[in-house]
């Protein structure tokens, strides 16, 4: 499994599927490749944040999990509690905790009753600034190093293991790079990029698998050994959605977790289905510009966590699925050149693509023949160009404000409201929203 993002509703089917596989095989291991948290308010907003997914993973019998970037979203103290509650280790070779509280194991060796040994080594991805893609405030006192380099330091585990695998949260392309430089591995089970490897990918003799996201698929690898040596690796991808069986005990637990009256409260209605980052991002940023004193707002596409909202009633649960991170709104006074630097840097970091949705203006990134950005045309809602010398009050999530590189003299201040709460208030006040066809960011 990888990138579960707290999607627990398929856990009854997952338990029945895993039990079936266990009934057919003597030695079965169940691994998670990180990002177990963040994406379902039933888990994220639980009174003991994140506990339901750990509780269910314990019930099913996971053997280990990689640390993903979203494992830090609740803060380090909460992560420590979840690690202590888990009946399985959290692994990462490229994280050092200077405080000494979070002690991540770089690897785990599991010995079977027949004497065979399975070695598992792990690492987490690094994004902008050399840290994982999480709010920097959640990463204090942690030192991160290159994941591939750290895993390679444990290549000697090959000598003491019959099966040697990497359980990574590096992303699919990095997994390929790891396989190219470390043929000692037999298998890489990866996460982070939500890739569905169907069929599995083989590089340098290493089998690479990643099972999409959201507890919809299970990657299964059968390893055949003769005289304690691997002779065949048989990968397959199983659809959990299509699996007919389900575990009743787990389903009763799911029903209890999902019975949250506050989260199921209807706050408004959508006239049409709100689809894609343009429409969802327009609504999210409109909520921020509805706050007093905010002229312009931006929302990064990575913070838009669902693909659509159906037409009809919108619940508080829907909003926390869309925006689960708890980011505060930060107000920064910015001139036109500073706003332009934010847009240009975001476009470049998104590998020459739109990353920021916007309210309070429309913008067009002007590119050369190689799709590199050379300028930005910014227009106010009335069609007039943004004024060069005027200071605008720009609302950003605390994640953008702290993680994105852009020019700004004003350090900014918190408005002491989360982006999710601003959206709940916005929809509650409007009662009805319609964002069909909205698009405010363009490339030319």
Foldseek 3Di string as FASTA:
>chain_A
DEAQQCLCPLLQLVLVVLVVVVVVDPDDAAEYLENLHHQFCLQCVPPLHNQVSQVSCQVSPHAEYEYELCCLLVADVSSLVSQVSHPYAYAAQFKDAQVPSDDHHQKDWDADPVGAIEIEGEHYAAAFPRHHQYFVVRQPRMGGDDRLVRVVVVLCVLVVHLAYEYSYAHDDVVVLVSCQVRVSHAEYEYYNNQDACVPWDAHSNHTYGYHRYNPQKDKDWDFDDDPSHTDDIDIDIGGSVPRDGGHPVSVVVVVVSPPDVQQQDFQAFEQAKQFACQLVQQLLFVLVCVDPQAQKEKDFPVQQQDGIDGGTTDGLRNLCSRGVRQFFKWKAWDFPQQVFQQQLQQCVSVVLDGTIHMPQWFKEFEADPVSRGDGMFIAGPVGHGGDGPGIGTYIYTSRCLRRTDTDGPGSTDTPPHGSSRSSSVVRNVVRYHYRPPGGRYYYD
